[in-house]
Amino acid sequence: MYRLEQETGADRAEVEALYDTCFAPGREALSSYRLRDGVPPVRELCLVARDDLAIVGGAIRFWPVRVGRSDALLLGPVAVHPTRQGEGLGGTLILEGLERAEAQRWARVLLVGDAPFYQRFGFERLTGVEMPPPTNPDRILGFGTWTGVAGRVTRWGG
């Protein structure tokens, strides 16, 4: 059993260690990280999943971005510890995060990922949305209201 909690500053080292475990070295060199530089995540949407021993088994973060002239959230990273994968924890984090984003009136969420995995959560391939290179356009996915929203994805406030 897991409990989902809002990530706090006290969780940072444990969550960063989880991301280091789950992703390749140099993950912060990805173009999506340039959209996060100097921009705080939306704290209310950043979640950790702790087991009954209070160990972090998964985490998810959301960041504000601009798409053309519109606001959006960038989902990621989301990670589940390798020893906890296959338990549905990643899906639980994604669904809870999307539900909280909707409750906060965020109209749209985007991510860069595998369509077959994220389609079950309601994500669809976006056309007309440009992530910083070298992002594969087939991996740019969106959730929510995207009608009439297009353009380059840029840093929030940038």
N, C-alpha and C. Protein backbone atom coordinates (compact mmCIF):
# COMPACT_ATOMS: atom_id res chain seq x y z
N MET A 1 0.84 -1.17 0.00
CA MET A 1 0.00 0.00 0.00
C MET A 1 0.88 1.24 0.00
N TYR A 2 0.49 2.23 -0.78
CA TYR A 2 1.22 3.48 -0.88
C TYR A 2 0.33 4.64 -0.46
N ARG A 3 0.96 5.67 0.05
CA ARG A 3 0.24 6.91 0.27
C ARG A 3 0.91 7.97 -0.59
N LEU A 4 0.09 8.77 -1.23
CA LEU A 4 0.61 9.85 -2.06
C LEU A 4 0.63 11.12 -1.24
N GLU A 5 1.76 11.81 -1.30
CA GLU A 5 1.94 13.05 -0.57
C GLU A 5 2.55 14.08 -1.49
N GLN A 6 2.29 15.35 -1.20
CA GLN A 6 2.94 16.41 -1.93
C GLN A 6 4.42 16.38 -1.60
N GLU A 7 5.26 16.47 -2.63
CA GLU A 7 6.70 16.51 -2.41
C GLU A 7 7.08 17.78 -1.65
N THR A 8 7.99 17.63 -0.71
CA THR A 8 8.49 18.78 0.05
C THR A 8 10.00 18.89 -0.16
N GLY A 9 10.57 19.97 0.34
CA GLY A 9 12.01 20.15 0.24
C GLY A 9 12.77 19.02 0.90
N ALA A 10 12.20 18.45 1.96
CA ALA A 10 12.85 17.34 2.66
C ALA A 10 12.92 16.08 1.80
N ASP A 11 12.09 15.99 0.76
CA ASP A 11 12.06 14.83 -0.13
C ASP A 11 13.06 14.93 -1.27
N ARG A 12 13.61 16.11 -1.50
CA ARG A 12 14.39 16.38 -2.71
C ARG A 12 15.51 15.36 -2.95
N ALA A 13 16.34 15.11 -1.97
CA ALA A 13 17.48 14.20 -2.17
C ALA A 13 17.00 12.79 -2.52
N GLU A 14 15.97 12.33 -1.84
CA GLU A 14 15.46 10.98 -2.10
C GLU A 14 14.82 10.88 -3.49
N VAL A 15 14.10 11.93 -3.89
CA VAL A 15 13.46 11.93 -5.21
C VAL A 15 14.53 12.03 -6.31
N GLU A 16 15.52 12.89 -6.13
CA GLU A 16 16.58 13.01 -7.13
C GLU A 16 17.34 11.68 -7.26
N ALA A 17 17.57 10.99 -6.15
CA ALA A 17 18.22 9.68 -6.21
C ALA A 17 17.37 8.68 -6.98
N LEU A 18 16.06 8.75 -6.81
CA LEU A 18 15.15 7.88 -7.56
C LEU A 18 15.27 8.18 -9.06
N TYR A 19 15.24 9.45 -9.43
CA TYR A 19 15.37 9.80 -10.85
C TYR A 19 16.72 9.34 -11.41
N ASP A 20 17.79 9.48 -10.63
CA ASP A 20 19.10 9.01 -11.08
C ASP A 20 19.10 7.50 -11.28
N THR A 21 18.40 6.77 -10.44
CA THR A 21 18.31 5.32 -10.56
C THR A 21 17.53 4.91 -11.81
N CYS A 22 16.45 5.64 -12.10
CA CYS A 22 15.53 5.24 -13.16
C CYS A 22 15.91 5.73 -14.56
N PHE A 23 16.70 6.79 -14.63
CA PHE A 23 17.01 7.37 -15.93
C PHE A 23 18.50 7.31 -16.20
N ALA A 24 18.81 7.40 -17.48
CA ALA A 24 20.21 7.31 -17.92
C ALA A 24 21.03 8.47 -17.37
N PRO A 25 22.32 8.23 -17.22
CA PRO A 25 23.20 9.35 -16.83
C PRO A 25 23.07 10.48 -17.85
N GLY A 26 23.15 11.68 -17.38
CA GLY A 26 23.02 12.82 -18.28
C GLY A 26 21.59 13.22 -18.56
N ARG A 27 20.65 12.70 -17.76
CA ARG A 27 19.23 13.01 -18.00
C ARG A 27 18.97 14.50 -18.01
N GLU A 28 19.74 15.26 -17.24
CA GLU A 28 19.51 16.70 -17.16
C GLU A 28 20.03 17.44 -18.40
N ALA A 29 20.67 16.73 -19.31
CA ALA A 29 21.10 17.35 -20.56
C ALA A 29 19.99 17.34 -21.61
N LEU A 30 18.89 16.65 -21.34
CA LEU A 30 17.78 16.60 -22.29
C LEU A 30 17.18 17.99 -22.48
N SER A 31 16.65 18.23 -23.67
CA SER A 31 16.10 19.55 -23.98
C SER A 31 14.95 19.94 -23.07
N SER A 32 14.18 18.98 -22.58
CA SER A 32 13.07 19.31 -21.69
C SER A 32 13.55 19.94 -20.39
N TYR A 33 14.78 19.62 -19.99
CA TYR A 33 15.32 20.22 -18.77
C TYR A 33 15.62 21.71 -18.96
N ARG A 34 15.88 22.14 -20.20
CA ARG A 34 16.10 23.58 -20.42
C ARG A 34 14.81 24.36 -20.14
N LEU A 35 13.66 23.72 -20.31
CA LEU A 35 12.38 24.37 -20.00
C LEU A 35 12.16 24.50 -18.51
N ARG A 36 12.90 23.73 -17.73
CA ARG A 36 12.76 23.72 -16.27
C ARG A 36 13.79 24.60 -15.56
N ASP A 37 14.87 24.94 -16.26
CA ASP A 37 15.95 25.72 -15.65
C ASP A 37 15.42 27.02 -15.07
N GLY A 38 15.65 27.21 -13.78
CA GLY A 38 15.26 28.45 -13.13
C GLY A 38 13.78 28.65 -12.92
N VAL A 39 12.99 27.62 -13.22
CA VAL A 39 11.54 27.70 -13.06
C VAL A 39 11.13 26.69 -11.99
N PRO A 40 10.47 27.13 -10.94
CA PRO A 40 10.04 26.15 -9.94
C PRO A 40 8.89 25.28 -10.46
N PRO A 41 8.85 24.02 -10.05
CA PRO A 41 7.73 23.17 -10.43
C PRO A 41 6.46 23.66 -9.72
N VAL A 42 5.33 23.16 -10.17
CA VAL A 42 4.06 23.46 -9.51
C VAL A 42 3.99 22.53 -8.30
N ARG A 43 4.37 23.04 -7.16
CA ARG A 43 4.55 22.23 -5.94
C ARG A 43 3.34 21.38 -5.58
N GLU A 44 2.15 21.93 -5.73
CA GLU A 44 0.94 21.20 -5.35
C GLU A 44 0.72 19.95 -6.19
N LEU A 45 1.39 19.89 -7.34
CA LEU A 45 1.21 18.75 -8.25
C LEU A 45 2.37 17.77 -8.21
N CYS A 46 3.43 18.11 -7.52
CA CYS A 46 4.59 17.23 -7.41
C CYS A 46 4.35 16.26 -6.26
N LEU A 47 4.31 14.97 -6.58
CA LEU A 47 3.90 13.96 -5.62
C LEU A 47 4.97 12.90 -5.42
N VAL A 48 5.00 12.36 -4.22
CA VAL A 48 5.81 11.19 -3.93
C VAL A 48 4.87 10.10 -3.42
N ALA A 49 5.21 8.86 -3.75
CA ALA A 49 4.47 7.69 -3.26
C ALA A 49 5.36 6.98 -2.26
N ARG A 50 4.88 6.89 -1.03
CA ARG A 50 5.64 6.23 0.04
C ARG A 50 4.93 4.94 0.44
N ASP A 51 5.73 3.92 0.72
CA ASP A 51 5.17 2.66 1.19
C ASP A 51 4.96 2.71 2.70
N ASP A 52 4.56 1.60 3.29
CA ASP A 52 4.27 1.58 4.73
C ASP A 52 5.52 1.76 5.59
N LEU A 53 6.72 1.70 4.98
CA LEU A 53 7.96 1.98 5.71
C LEU A 53 8.46 3.40 5.43
N ALA A 54 7.63 4.20 4.75
CA ALA A 54 7.92 5.59 4.40
C ALA A 54 9.03 5.71 3.35
N ILE A 55 9.26 4.66 2.57
CA ILE A 55 10.27 4.68 1.52
C ILE A 55 9.61 5.15 0.22
N VAL A 56 10.28 6.06 -0.48
CA VAL A 56 9.74 6.57 -1.74
C VAL A 56 9.86 5.49 -2.81
N GLY A 57 8.72 5.10 -3.35
CA GLY A 57 8.69 4.13 -4.43
C GLY A 57 8.47 4.75 -5.78
N GLY A 58 7.97 6.00 -5.79
CA GLY A 58 7.72 6.70 -7.05
C GLY A 58 7.56 8.18 -6.82
N ALA A 59 7.69 8.93 -7.92
CA ALA A 59 7.56 10.39 -7.84
C ALA A 59 7.15 10.93 -9.20
N ILE A 60 6.50 12.08 -9.15
CA ILE A 60 6.09 12.78 -10.38
C ILE A 60 6.19 14.27 -10.13
N ARG A 61 6.56 14.99 -11.18
CA ARG A 61 6.64 16.45 -11.10
C ARG A 61 5.95 17.07 -12.32
N PHE A 62 5.45 18.27 -12.13
CA PHE A 62 4.82 19.07 -13.20
C PHE A 62 5.43 20.46 -13.19
N TRP A 63 5.66 21.00 -14.38
CA TRP A 63 6.30 22.31 -14.54
C TRP A 63 5.44 23.19 -15.44
N PRO A 64 5.30 24.46 -15.13
CA PRO A 64 4.57 25.35 -16.03
C PRO A 64 5.44 25.70 -17.23
N VAL A 65 4.81 25.74 -18.40
CA VAL A 65 5.48 26.14 -19.64
C VAL A 65 4.49 26.98 -20.45
N ARG A 66 4.99 27.54 -21.52
CA ARG A 66 4.16 28.25 -22.49
C ARG A 66 4.20 27.47 -23.80
N VAL A 67 3.06 27.37 -24.44
CA VAL A 67 2.98 26.79 -25.78
C VAL A 67 2.37 27.88 -26.66
N GLY A 68 3.20 28.47 -27.51
CA GLY A 68 2.74 29.65 -28.23
C GLY A 68 2.37 30.71 -27.21
N ARG A 69 1.10 31.09 -27.18
CA ARG A 69 0.62 32.10 -26.23
C ARG A 69 -0.19 31.51 -25.09
N SER A 70 -0.19 30.20 -24.99
CA SER A 70 -1.03 29.52 -24.00
C SER A 70 -0.20 28.90 -22.88
N ASP A 71 -0.82 28.78 -21.72
CA ASP A 71 -0.21 28.11 -20.58
C ASP A 71 -0.44 26.60 -20.67
N ALA A 72 0.52 25.86 -20.18
CA ALA A 72 0.39 24.40 -20.12
C ALA A 72 1.28 23.88 -19.01
N LEU A 73 1.10 22.63 -18.69
CA LEU A 73 1.98 21.93 -17.76
C LEU A 73 2.82 20.94 -18.53
N LEU A 74 4.07 20.83 -18.15
CA LEU A 74 4.97 19.80 -18.68
C LEU A 74 5.07 18.73 -17.61
N LEU A 75 4.59 17.53 -17.92
CA LEU A 75 4.65 16.41 -16.99
C LEU A 75 6.02 15.77 -17.11
N GLY A 76 6.66 15.60 -15.98
CA GLY A 76 7.91 14.87 -15.98
C GLY A 76 8.95 15.52 -15.08
N PRO A 77 9.81 14.72 -14.62
CA PRO A 77 9.80 13.28 -14.83
C PRO A 77 8.82 12.56 -13.90
N VAL A 78 8.43 11.39 -14.35
CA VAL A 78 7.69 10.45 -13.50
C VAL A 78 8.53 9.19 -13.44
N ALA A 79 8.70 8.66 -12.25
CA ALA A 79 9.56 7.48 -12.10
C ALA A 79 9.04 6.58 -10.99
N VAL A 80 9.28 5.30 -11.18
CA VAL A 80 8.96 4.28 -10.18
C VAL A 80 10.23 3.45 -9.99
N HIS A 81 10.59 3.24 -8.73
CA HIS A 81 11.79 2.47 -8.44
C HIS A 81 11.70 1.10 -9.12
N PRO A 82 12.81 0.61 -9.69
CA PRO A 82 12.77 -0.67 -10.40
C PRO A 82 12.19 -1.83 -9.58
N THR A 83 12.36 -1.82 -8.28
CA THR A 83 11.81 -2.89 -7.46
C THR A 83 10.31 -2.76 -7.25
N ARG A 84 9.73 -1.64 -7.67
CA ARG A 84 8.29 -1.39 -7.49
C ARG A 84 7.54 -1.33 -8.81
N GLN A 85 8.24 -1.51 -9.91
CA GLN A 85 7.58 -1.44 -11.21
C GLN A 85 6.66 -2.63 -11.41
N GLY A 86 5.62 -2.41 -12.18
CA GLY A 86 4.64 -3.46 -12.45
C GLY A 86 3.52 -3.53 -11.44
N GLU A 87 3.52 -2.61 -10.47
CA GLU A 87 2.48 -2.59 -9.43
C GLU A 87 1.40 -1.55 -9.71
N GLY A 88 1.52 -0.81 -10.82
CA GLY A 88 0.55 0.23 -11.15
C GLY A 88 0.82 1.56 -10.49
N LEU A 89 1.96 1.69 -9.85
CA LEU A 89 2.28 2.91 -9.13
C LEU A 89 2.46 4.10 -10.07
N GLY A 90 3.10 3.90 -11.20
CA GLY A 90 3.28 4.99 -12.16
C GLY A 90 1.93 5.51 -12.64
N GLY A 91 1.03 4.60 -12.96
CA GLY A 91 -0.31 5.01 -13.39
C GLY A 91 -1.06 5.76 -12.31
N THR A 92 -0.91 5.31 -11.08
CA THR A 92 -1.56 5.99 -9.96
C THR A 92 -1.04 7.42 -9.83
N LEU A 93 0.28 7.61 -9.94
CA LEU A 93 0.87 8.94 -9.86
C LEU A 93 0.38 9.83 -11.01
N ILE A 94 0.34 9.29 -12.21
CA ILE A 94 -0.10 10.06 -13.36
C ILE A 94 -1.56 10.48 -13.21
N LEU A 95 -2.43 9.52 -12.88
CA LEU A 95 -3.85 9.84 -12.75
C LEU A 95 -4.12 10.85 -11.64
N GLU A 96 -3.46 10.68 -10.50
CA GLU A 96 -3.65 11.62 -9.40
C GLU A 96 -3.12 13.00 -9.78
N GLY A 97 -1.97 13.04 -10.44
CA GLY A 97 -1.41 14.32 -10.87
C GLY A 97 -2.33 15.03 -11.85
N LEU A 98 -2.88 14.29 -12.82
CA LEU A 98 -3.79 14.90 -13.79
C LEU A 98 -5.07 15.40 -13.11
N GLU A 99 -5.58 14.62 -12.16
CA GLU A 99 -6.78 15.03 -11.43
C GLU A 99 -6.52 16.32 -10.64
N ARG A 100 -5.39 16.41 -9.99
CA ARG A 100 -5.05 17.62 -9.24
C ARG A 100 -4.83 18.81 -10.17
N ALA A 101 -4.23 18.56 -11.33
CA ALA A 101 -4.02 19.63 -12.31
C ALA A 101 -5.36 20.18 -12.79
N GLU A 102 -6.30 19.30 -13.08
CA GLU A 102 -7.63 19.74 -13.50
C GLU A 102 -8.32 20.53 -12.39
N ALA A 103 -8.18 20.08 -11.15
CA ALA A 103 -8.78 20.78 -10.02
C ALA A 103 -8.20 22.19 -9.86
N GLN A 104 -6.95 22.36 -10.27
CA GLN A 104 -6.32 23.68 -10.22
C GLN A 104 -6.57 24.49 -11.50
N ARG A 105 -7.40 23.94 -12.36
CA ARG A 105 -7.81 24.61 -13.59
C ARG A 105 -6.71 24.73 -14.66
N TRP A 106 -5.77 23.80 -14.66
CA TRP A 106 -4.83 23.72 -15.76
C TRP A 106 -5.55 23.01 -16.90
N ALA A 107 -5.65 23.64 -18.05
CA ALA A 107 -6.43 23.12 -19.17
C ALA A 107 -5.71 22.06 -19.98
N ARG A 108 -4.38 22.07 -19.89
CA ARG A 108 -3.63 21.16 -20.76
C ARG A 108 -2.31 20.74 -20.13
N VAL A 109 -1.91 19.51 -20.49
CA VAL A 109 -0.66 18.93 -20.01
C VAL A 109 0.04 18.32 -21.22
N LEU A 110 1.35 18.51 -21.30
CA LEU A 110 2.09 17.85 -22.36
C LEU A 110 3.27 17.09 -21.77
N LEU A 111 3.78 16.18 -22.55
CA LEU A 111 4.95 15.41 -22.17
C LEU A 111 5.62 14.87 -23.41
N VAL A 112 6.82 14.39 -23.23
CA VAL A 112 7.54 13.70 -24.30
C VAL A 112 7.65 12.26 -23.84
N GLY A 113 7.00 11.35 -24.59
CA GLY A 113 7.00 9.96 -24.16
C GLY A 113 6.47 9.02 -25.21
N ASP A 114 6.29 7.78 -24.81
CA ASP A 114 5.81 6.72 -25.69
C ASP A 114 4.29 6.72 -25.74
N ALA A 115 3.75 6.99 -26.92
CA ALA A 115 2.30 7.06 -27.09
C ALA A 115 1.58 5.80 -26.60
N PRO A 116 2.04 4.59 -26.93
CA PRO A 116 1.31 3.41 -26.48
C PRO A 116 1.14 3.35 -24.95
N PHE A 117 2.11 3.83 -24.20
CA PHE A 117 2.00 3.83 -22.74
C PHE A 117 1.04 4.92 -22.26
N TYR A 118 1.21 6.14 -22.75
CA TYR A 118 0.45 7.28 -22.22
C TYR A 118 -0.96 7.42 -22.77
N GLN A 119 -1.29 6.74 -23.88
CA GLN A 119 -2.64 6.82 -24.43
C GLN A 119 -3.69 6.33 -23.44
N ARG A 120 -3.36 5.37 -22.62
CA ARG A 120 -4.35 4.84 -21.66
C ARG A 120 -4.76 5.86 -20.61
N PHE A 121 -3.98 6.95 -20.48
CA PHE A 121 -4.30 8.02 -19.54
C PHE A 121 -4.97 9.20 -20.24
N GLY A 122 -5.21 9.06 -21.55
CA GLY A 122 -5.89 10.11 -22.30
C GLY A 122 -4.98 11.03 -23.09
N PHE A 123 -3.68 10.71 -23.17
CA PHE A 123 -2.75 11.52 -23.95
C PHE A 123 -2.84 11.14 -25.42
N GLU A 124 -2.71 12.16 -26.28
CA GLU A 124 -2.72 11.96 -27.72
C GLU A 124 -1.55 12.72 -28.34
N ARG A 125 -1.14 12.27 -29.50
CA ARG A 125 -0.05 12.96 -30.21
C ARG A 125 -0.50 14.37 -30.57
N LEU A 126 0.38 15.33 -30.34
CA LEU A 126 0.08 16.73 -30.66
C LEU A 126 0.74 17.10 -31.98
N THR A 127 0.02 17.82 -32.79
CA THR A 127 0.60 18.39 -34.01
C THR A 127 0.60 19.90 -33.83
N GLY A 128 1.60 20.53 -34.37
CA GLY A 128 1.69 21.98 -34.26
C GLY A 128 2.34 22.46 -32.97
N VAL A 129 2.77 21.53 -32.13
CA VAL A 129 3.47 21.89 -30.90
C VAL A 129 4.93 21.49 -31.07
N GLU A 130 5.84 22.43 -30.87
CA GLU A 130 7.26 22.20 -31.11
C GLU A 130 8.05 22.27 -29.81
N MET A 131 8.57 21.13 -29.40
CA MET A 131 9.49 21.09 -28.26
C MET A 131 10.88 21.48 -28.76
N PRO A 132 11.73 21.95 -27.84
CA PRO A 132 13.11 22.26 -28.27
C PRO A 132 13.78 21.03 -28.88
N PRO A 133 14.61 21.24 -29.91
CA PRO A 133 15.31 20.10 -30.51
C PRO A 133 16.31 19.51 -29.52
N PRO A 134 16.63 18.26 -29.68
CA PRO A 134 16.29 17.33 -30.75
C PRO A 134 15.14 16.40 -30.38
N THR A 135 13.98 16.92 -30.09
CA THR A 135 12.83 16.11 -29.69
C THR A 135 12.15 15.51 -30.91
N ASN A 136 11.87 14.22 -30.87
CA ASN A 136 11.12 13.54 -31.91
C ASN A 136 9.66 14.01 -31.85
N PRO A 137 9.13 14.62 -32.90
CA PRO A 137 7.75 15.13 -32.87
C PRO A 137 6.69 14.06 -32.60
N ASP A 138 6.99 12.81 -32.93
CA ASP A 138 6.03 11.73 -32.69
C ASP A 138 5.86 11.43 -31.20
N ARG A 139 6.77 11.94 -30.37
CA ARG A 139 6.73 11.67 -28.94
C ARG A 139 6.13 12.83 -28.13
N ILE A 140 5.69 13.88 -28.82
CA ILE A 140 5.07 15.02 -28.13
C ILE A 140 3.59 14.71 -27.97
N LEU A 141 3.18 14.52 -26.71
CA LEU A 141 1.82 14.08 -26.41
C LEU A 141 1.13 15.10 -25.52
N GLY A 142 -0.19 15.18 -25.67
CA GLY A 142 -0.95 16.13 -24.87
C GLY A 142 -2.20 15.53 -24.27
N PHE A 143 -2.61 16.12 -23.17
CA PHE A 143 -3.82 15.75 -22.43
C PHE A 143 -4.59 17.03 -22.18
N GLY A 144 -5.90 16.99 -22.33
CA GLY A 144 -6.71 18.16 -22.03
C GLY A 144 -7.15 18.89 -23.29
N THR A 145 -7.31 20.19 -23.18
CA THR A 145 -7.85 21.02 -24.26
C THR A 145 -6.73 21.64 -25.08
N TRP A 146 -6.55 21.14 -26.28
CA TRP A 146 -5.48 21.63 -27.15
C TRP A 146 -6.00 22.30 -28.41
N THR A 147 -7.30 22.38 -28.60
CA THR A 147 -7.86 23.00 -29.80
C THR A 147 -7.38 24.44 -29.90
N GLY A 148 -6.77 24.78 -31.03
CA GLY A 148 -6.29 26.13 -31.27
C GLY A 148 -4.98 26.48 -30.59
N VAL A 149 -4.36 25.53 -29.91
CA VAL A 149 -3.10 25.77 -29.22
C VAL A 149 -1.98 25.16 -30.07
N ALA A 150 -1.02 26.02 -30.43
CA ALA A 150 0.10 25.56 -31.24
C ALA A 150 1.28 26.49 -31.00
N GLY A 151 2.43 26.03 -31.46
CA GLY A 151 3.61 26.87 -31.39
C GLY A 151 4.73 26.21 -30.61
N ARG A 152 5.76 27.00 -30.37
CA ARG A 152 6.93 26.51 -29.66
C ARG A 152 6.65 26.43 -28.17
N VAL A 153 7.21 25.40 -27.56
CA VAL A 153 7.15 25.27 -26.10
C VAL A 153 8.34 26.05 -25.56
N THR A 154 8.05 27.00 -24.66
CA THR A 154 9.10 27.83 -24.08
C THR A 154 8.98 27.84 -22.58
N ARG A 155 10.04 28.32 -21.96
CA ARG A 155 10.07 28.41 -20.48
C ARG A 155 8.98 29.36 -19.99
N TRP A 156 8.45 29.00 -18.84
CA TRP A 156 7.47 29.84 -18.15
C TRP A 156 8.16 31.15 -17.77
N GLY A 157 7.53 32.24 -18.13
CA GLY A 157 8.10 33.54 -17.76
C GLY A 157 9.28 33.95 -18.62
N GLY A 158 9.62 33.12 -19.61
CA GLY A 158 10.79 33.42 -20.43
C GLY A 158 10.44 34.06 -21.73
